[in-house]
């Protein structure tokens, strides 16, 4: 249990130290993927 707490705490620290730029880049990539998927689905549904 203690090990698990240490691991989750370590993850939190890593998340906190993630730079804003990297964070924004991840969000942009996610949005791009979602947009591509949406257009792909719409194209298929219009067939």
PDB file of N, CA and C in Angstrom:
ATOM      1  N   UNK A   1       0.841  -1.206   0.000  1.00  0.00           N
ATOM      2  CA  UNK A   1       0.000   0.000   0.000  1.00  0.00           C
ATOM      3  C   UNK A   1       0.876   1.256   0.000  1.00  0.00           C
ATOM      4  N   UNK A   2       1.890   1.240   0.829  1.00  0.00           N
ATOM      5  CA  UNK A   2       2.801   2.382   0.905  1.00  0.00           C
ATOM      6  C   UNK A   2       3.488   2.599  -0.435  1.00  0.00           C
ATOM      7  N   UNK A   3       3.864   1.476  -1.070  1.00  0.00           N
ATOM      8  CA  UNK A   3       4.520   1.556  -2.371  1.00  0.00           C
ATOM      9  C   UNK A   3       3.599   2.237  -3.378  1.00  0.00           C
ATOM     10  N   UNK A   4       2.322   1.855  -3.328  1.00  0.00           N
ATOM     11  CA  UNK A   4       1.344   2.434  -4.245  1.00  0.00           C
ATOM     12  C   UNK A   4       1.228   3.947  -4.027  1.00  0.00           C
ATOM     13  N   UNK A   5       1.186   4.352  -2.768  1.00  0.00           N
ATOM     14  CA  UNK A   5       1.101   5.780  -2.448  1.00  0.00           C
ATOM     15  C   UNK A   5       2.320   6.525  -2.972  1.00  0.00           C
ATOM     16  N   UNK A   6       3.486   5.914  -2.801  1.00  0.00           N
ATOM     17  CA  UNK A   6       4.713   6.546  -3.304  1.00  0.00           C
ATOM     18  C   UNK A   6       4.646   6.717  -4.816  1.00  0.00           C
ATOM     19  N   UNK A   7       4.155   5.675  -5.492  1.00  0.00           N
ATOM     20  CA  UNK A   7       4.071   5.728  -6.951  1.00  0.00           C
ATOM     21  C   UNK A   7       3.121   6.829  -7.405  1.00  0.00           C
ATOM     22  N   UNK A   8       1.935   6.893  -6.791  1.00  0.00           N
ATOM     23  CA  UNK A   8       0.966   7.909  -7.198  1.00  0.00           C
ATOM     24  C   UNK A   8       1.495   9.310  -6.901  1.00  0.00           C
ATOM     25  N   UNK A   9       2.204   9.453  -5.789  1.00  0.00           N
ATOM     26  CA  UNK A   9       2.792  10.743  -5.444  1.00  0.00           C
ATOM     27  C   UNK A   9       3.840  11.140  -6.476  1.00  0.00           C
ATOM     28  N   UNK A  10       4.623  10.156  -6.918  1.00  0.00           N
ATOM     29  CA  UNK A  10       5.649  10.411  -7.926  1.00  0.00           C
ATOM     30  C   UNK A  10       4.995  10.877  -9.219  1.00  0.00           C
ATOM     31  N   UNK A  11       3.896  10.224  -9.581  1.00  0.00           N
ATOM     32  CA  UNK A  11       3.181  10.599 -10.803  1.00  0.00           C
ATOM     33  C   UNK A  11       2.665  12.027 -10.698  1.00  0.00           C
ATOM     34  N   UNK A  12       2.089  12.362  -9.553  1.00  0.00           N
ATOM     35  CA  UNK A  12       1.585  13.723  -9.350  1.00  0.00           C
ATOM     36  C   UNK A  12       2.694  14.743  -9.530  1.00  0.00           C
ATOM     37  N   UNK A  13       3.859  14.442  -8.971  1.00  0.00           N
ATOM     38  CA  UNK A  13       5.002  15.347  -9.099  1.00  0.00           C
ATOM     39  C   UNK A  13       5.380  15.518 -10.563  1.00  0.00           C
ATOM     40  N   UNK A  14       5.402  14.404 -11.301  1.00  0.00           N
ATOM     41  CA  UNK A  14       5.742  14.473 -12.721  1.00  0.00           C
ATOM     42  C   UNK A  14       4.730  15.338 -13.470  1.00  0.00           C
ATOM     43  N   UNK A  15       3.448  15.157 -13.129  1.00  0.00           N
ATOM     44  CA  UNK A  15       2.404  15.941 -13.791  1.00  0.00           C
ATOM     45  C   UNK A  15       2.590  17.427 -13.482  1.00  0.00           C
ATOM     46  N   UNK A  16       2.892  17.727 -12.216  1.00  0.00           N
ATOM     47  CA  UNK A  16       3.094  19.127 -11.827  1.00  0.00           C
ATOM     48  C   UNK A  16       4.266  19.747 -12.579  1.00  0.00           C
ATOM     49  N   UNK A  17       5.320  18.939 -12.779  1.00  0.00           N
ATOM     50  CA  UNK A  17       6.514  19.472 -13.422  1.00  0.00           C
ATOM     51  C   UNK A  17       6.431  19.468 -14.941  1.00  0.00           C
ATOM     52  N   UNK A  18       5.350  18.896 -15.481  1.00  0.00           N
ATOM     53  CA  UNK A  18       5.183  18.928 -16.930  1.00  0.00           C
ATOM     54  C   UNK A  18       5.034  20.384 -17.358  1.00  0.00           C
ATOM     55  N   UNK A  19       5.834  20.780 -18.329  1.00  0.00           N
ATOM     56  CA  UNK A  19       5.809  22.178 -18.759  1.00  0.00           C
ATOM     57  C   UNK A  19       4.497  22.507 -19.457  1.00  0.00           C
ATOM     58  N   UNK A  20       4.096  23.773 -19.365  1.00  0.00           N
ATOM     59  CA  UNK A  20       2.857  24.216 -19.992  1.00  0.00           C
ATOM     60  C   UNK A  20       2.883  23.972 -21.490  1.00  0.00           C
ATOM     61  N   UNK A  21       4.053  24.172 -22.086  1.00  0.00           N
ATOM     62  CA  UNK A  21       4.167  24.006 -23.537  1.00  0.00           C
ATOM     63  C   UNK A  21       3.851  22.566 -23.934  1.00  0.00           C
ATOM     64  N   UNK A  22       4.426  21.631 -23.197  1.00  0.00           N
ATOM     65  CA  UNK A  22       4.192  20.214 -23.479  1.00  0.00           C
ATOM     66  C   UNK A  22       2.715  19.879 -23.280  1.00  0.00           C
ATOM     67  N   UNK A  23       2.132  20.458 -22.219  1.00  0.00           N
ATOM     68  CA  UNK A  23       0.723  20.236 -21.906  1.00  0.00           C
ATOM     69  C   UNK A  23      -0.162  20.729 -23.048  1.00  0.00           C
ATOM     70  N   UNK A  24       0.131  21.951 -23.522  1.00  0.00           N
ATOM     71  CA  UNK A  24      -0.646  22.515 -24.633  1.00  0.00           C
ATOM     72  C   UNK A  24      -0.487  21.676 -25.887  1.00  0.00           C
ATOM     73  N   UNK A  25       0.733  21.184 -26.123  1.00  0.00           N
ATOM     74  CA  UNK A  25       0.982  20.371 -27.310  1.00  0.00           C
ATOM     75  C   UNK A  25       0.151  19.092 -27.260  1.00  0.00           C
ATOM     76  N   UNK A  26       0.062  18.477 -26.084  1.00  0.00           N
ATOM     77  CA  UNK A  26      -0.738  17.268 -25.923  1.00  0.00           C
ATOM     78  C   UNK A  26      -2.203  17.553 -26.201  1.00  0.00           C
ATOM     79  N   UNK A  27      -2.706  18.674 -25.680  1.00  0.00           N
ATOM     80  CA  UNK A  27      -4.108  19.039 -25.890  1.00  0.00           C
ATOM     81  C   UNK A  27      -4.370  19.290 -27.368  1.00  0.00           C
ATOM     82  N   UNK A  28      -3.458  20.010 -28.024  1.00  0.00           N
ATOM     83  CA  UNK A  28      -3.621  20.278 -29.452  1.00  0.00           C
ATOM     84  C   UNK A  28      -3.667  18.989 -30.246  1.00  0.00           C
ATOM     85  N   UNK A  29      -2.786  18.037 -29.886  1.00  0.00           N
ATOM     86  CA  UNK A  29      -2.761  16.764 -30.596  1.00  0.00           C
ATOM     87  C   UNK A  29      -4.073  16.014 -30.392  1.00  0.00           C
ATOM     88  N   UNK A  30      -4.574  16.042 -29.170  1.00  0.00           N
ATOM     89  CA  UNK A  30      -5.830  15.372 -28.864  1.00  0.00           C
ATOM     90  C   UNK A  30      -6.977  15.988 -29.657  1.00  0.00           C
ATOM     91  N   UNK A  31      -7.017  17.325 -29.695  1.00  0.00           N
ATOM     92  CA  UNK A  31      -8.063  18.015 -30.448  1.00  0.00           C
ATOM     93  C   UNK A  31      -7.967  17.686 -31.930  1.00  0.00           C
ATOM     94  N   UNK A  32      -6.745  17.634 -32.457  1.00  0.00           N
ATOM     95  CA  UNK A  32      -6.546  17.299 -33.867  1.00  0.00           C
ATOM     96  C   UNK A  32      -7.060  15.903 -34.164  1.00  0.00           C
ATOM     97  N   UNK A  33      -6.727  14.957 -33.288  1.00  0.00           N
ATOM     98  CA  UNK A  33      -7.187  13.577 -33.469  1.00  0.00           C
ATOM     99  C   UNK A  33      -8.709  13.525 -33.443  1.00  0.00           C
ATOM    100  N   UNK A  34      -9.316  14.233 -32.494  1.00  0.00           N
ATOM    101  CA  UNK A  34     -10.774  14.239 -32.398  1.00  0.00           C
ATOM    102  C   UNK A  34     -11.402  14.853 -33.641  1.00  0.00           C
ATOM    103  N   UNK A  35     -10.828  15.946 -34.124  1.00  0.00           N
ATOM    104  CA  UNK A  35     -11.359  16.610 -35.315  1.00  0.00           C
ATOM    105  C   UNK A  35     -11.266  15.690 -36.527  1.00  0.00           C
ATOM    106  N   UNK A  36     -10.117  15.031 -36.684  1.00  0.00           N
ATOM    107  CA  UNK A  36      -9.940  14.106 -37.800  1.00  0.00           C
ATOM    108  C   UNK A  36     -10.941  12.969 -37.714  1.00  0.00           C
ATOM    109  N   UNK A  37     -11.124  12.437 -36.502  1.00  0.00           N
ATOM    110  CA  UNK A  37     -12.058  11.328 -36.319  1.00  0.00           C
ATOM    111  C   UNK A  37     -13.482  11.765 -36.650  1.00  0.00           C
ATOM    112  N   UNK A  38     -13.841  12.976 -36.212  1.00  0.00           N
ATOM    113  CA  UNK A  38     -15.185  13.482 -36.484  1.00  0.00           C
ATOM    114  C   UNK A  38     -15.434  13.625 -37.979  1.00  0.00           C
ATOM    115  N   UNK A  39     -14.491  14.222 -38.700  1.00  0.00           N
ATOM    116  CA  UNK A  39     -14.669  14.406 -40.142  1.00  0.00           C
ATOM    117  C   UNK A  39     -14.721  13.053 -40.839  1.00  0.00           C
ATOM    118  N   UNK A  40     -13.934  12.112 -40.347  1.00  0.00           N
ATOM    119  CA  UNK A  40     -13.912  10.757 -40.902  1.00  0.00           C
ATOM    120  C   UNK A  40     -15.276  10.096 -40.715  1.00  0.00           C
ATOM    121  N   UNK A  41     -15.819  10.207 -39.494  1.00  0.00           N
ATOM    122  CA  UNK A  41     -17.131   9.615 -39.207  1.00  0.00           C
ATOM    123  C   UNK A  41     -18.224  10.280 -40.029  1.00  0.00           C
ATOM    124  N   UNK A  42     -18.163  11.599 -40.166  1.00  0.00           N
ATOM    125  CA  UNK A  42     -19.181  12.318 -40.929  1.00  0.00           C
ATOM    126  C   UNK A  42     -19.129  11.901 -42.392  1.00  0.00           C
ATOM    127  N   UNK A  43     -17.931  11.715 -42.922  1.00  0.00           N
ATOM    128  CA  UNK A  43     -17.775  11.302 -44.307  1.00  0.00           C
ATOM    129  C   UNK A  43     -18.427   9.933 -44.516  1.00  0.00           C
ATOM    130  N   UNK A  44     -18.205   9.039 -43.554  1.00  0.00           N
ATOM    131  CA  UNK A  44     -18.775   7.698 -43.671  1.00  0.00           C
ATOM    132  C   UNK A  44     -20.290   7.726 -43.511  1.00  0.00           C
ATOM    133  N   UNK A  45     -20.800   8.550 -42.613  1.00  0.00           N
ATOM    134  CA  UNK A  45     -22.246   8.582 -42.379  1.00  0.00           C
ATOM    135  C   UNK A  45     -22.982   9.228 -43.549  1.00  0.00           C
ATOM    136  N   UNK A  46     -22.278  10.054 -44.326  1.00  0.00           N
ATOM    137  CA  UNK A  46     -22.927  10.715 -45.463  1.00  0.00           C
ATOM    138  C   UNK A  46     -22.996   9.800 -46.676  1.00  0.00           C
ATOM    139  N   UNK A  47     -22.256   8.691 -46.658  1.00  0.00           N
ATOM    140  CA  UNK A  47     -22.284   7.759 -47.784  1.00  0.00           C
ATOM    141  C   UNK A  47     -23.601   6.994 -47.841  1.00  0.00           C
TER     142      UNK A  47
END
